[in-house]
Amino acid sequence: MNDLPKALGHRLRSIREAKLLSQEALASISGLHRTYIGACERGERNLTIKSLKKITDSLGITLEDFFVGFR
């Protein structure tokens, strides 16, 4: 189960980079702190559903889109 935060973080980073956004830009759009975004991407923090929803909304995707193909 310890790999779950890292897997979620990897998924988050890949989507963010595909959208050509920096961590700082995503943080600004989502209202979350840049260090929180970075820590989530590295798997150092557990994403809450509430935070993940803010992030996916900011990325212009749904929660369902985020988890499509997720393993």
Protein backbone atom coordinates (compact mmCIF):
# COMPACT_ATOMS: atom_id res chain seq x y z
CA MET A 1 0.00 0.00 0.00
CA ASN A 2 3.01 2.34 0.42
CA ASP A 3 3.33 2.54 -3.34
CA LEU A 4 -0.11 4.11 -3.71
CA PRO A 5 0.94 7.71 -2.89
CA LYS A 6 3.87 7.38 -5.30
CA ALA A 7 1.64 5.97 -8.04
CA LEU A 8 -0.89 8.78 -7.55
CA GLY A 9 1.93 11.32 -7.58
CA HIS A 10 3.38 9.89 -10.76
CA ARG A 11 -0.04 10.07 -12.42
CA LEU A 12 -0.51 13.65 -11.24
CA ARG A 13 2.91 14.71 -12.53
CA SER A 14 2.40 13.10 -15.92
CA ILE A 15 -0.95 14.83 -16.43
CA ARG A 16 0.41 18.18 -15.21
CA GLU A 17 3.39 17.97 -17.55
CA ALA A 18 1.17 16.94 -20.47
CA LYS A 19 -0.82 20.13 -19.85
CA LEU A 20 2.49 22.08 -19.88
CA LEU A 21 1.93 23.44 -16.38
CA SER A 22 4.58 24.02 -13.75
CA GLN A 23 3.95 22.99 -10.16
CA GLU A 24 3.74 26.68 -9.32
CA ALA A 25 1.12 27.34 -12.01
CA LEU A 26 -0.98 24.37 -10.91
CA ALA A 27 -0.72 25.46 -7.30
CA SER A 28 -1.85 28.96 -8.19
CA ILE A 29 -4.82 27.73 -10.22
CA SER A 30 -5.90 25.16 -7.64
CA GLY A 31 -5.40 27.33 -4.56
CA LEU A 32 -2.98 24.81 -3.06
CA HIS A 33 0.63 25.47 -2.07
CA ARG A 34 3.42 24.63 -4.52
CA THR A 35 5.27 22.57 -1.91
CA TYR A 36 2.12 20.51 -1.33
CA ILE A 37 1.82 19.79 -5.06
CA GLY A 38 5.48 18.77 -5.18
CA ALA A 39 5.22 16.56 -2.10
CA CYS A 40 2.15 14.84 -3.56
CA GLU A 41 3.92 14.24 -6.85
CA ARG A 42 6.86 12.65 -4.99
CA GLY A 43 4.50 10.47 -2.97
CA GLU A 44 5.46 12.15 0.28
CA ARG A 45 1.92 13.31 1.05
CA ASN A 46 -1.38 11.50 0.89
CA LEU A 47 -3.78 13.28 -1.42
CA THR A 48 -7.22 13.85 0.02
CA ILE A 49 -10.21 13.52 -2.27
CA LYS A 50 -10.95 17.19 -1.68
CA SER A 51 -7.43 18.24 -2.77
CA LEU A 52 -7.43 15.83 -5.69
CA LYS A 53 -10.76 17.30 -6.84
CA LYS A 54 -9.29 20.83 -6.73
CA ILE A 55 -6.30 19.62 -8.73
CA THR A 56 -8.31 17.74 -11.36
CA ASP A 57 -10.67 20.69 -11.76
CA SER A 58 -7.62 22.92 -12.27
CA LEU A 59 -6.23 20.50 -14.85
CA GLY A 60 -9.56 20.51 -16.70
CA ILE A 61 -10.21 16.80 -16.13
CA THR A 62 -12.63 14.80 -14.02
CA LEU A 63 -11.72 12.49 -11.17
CA GLU A 64 -12.78 9.66 -13.46
CA ASP A 65 -10.32 10.86 -16.11
CA PHE A 66 -7.57 10.93 -13.50
CA PHE A 67 -8.12 7.27 -12.64
CA VAL A 68 -8.60 5.96 -16.19
CA GLY A 69 -5.75 3.54 -16.77
CA PHE A 70 -4.45 4.02 -13.23
CA ARG A 71 -2.79 0.95 -11.71
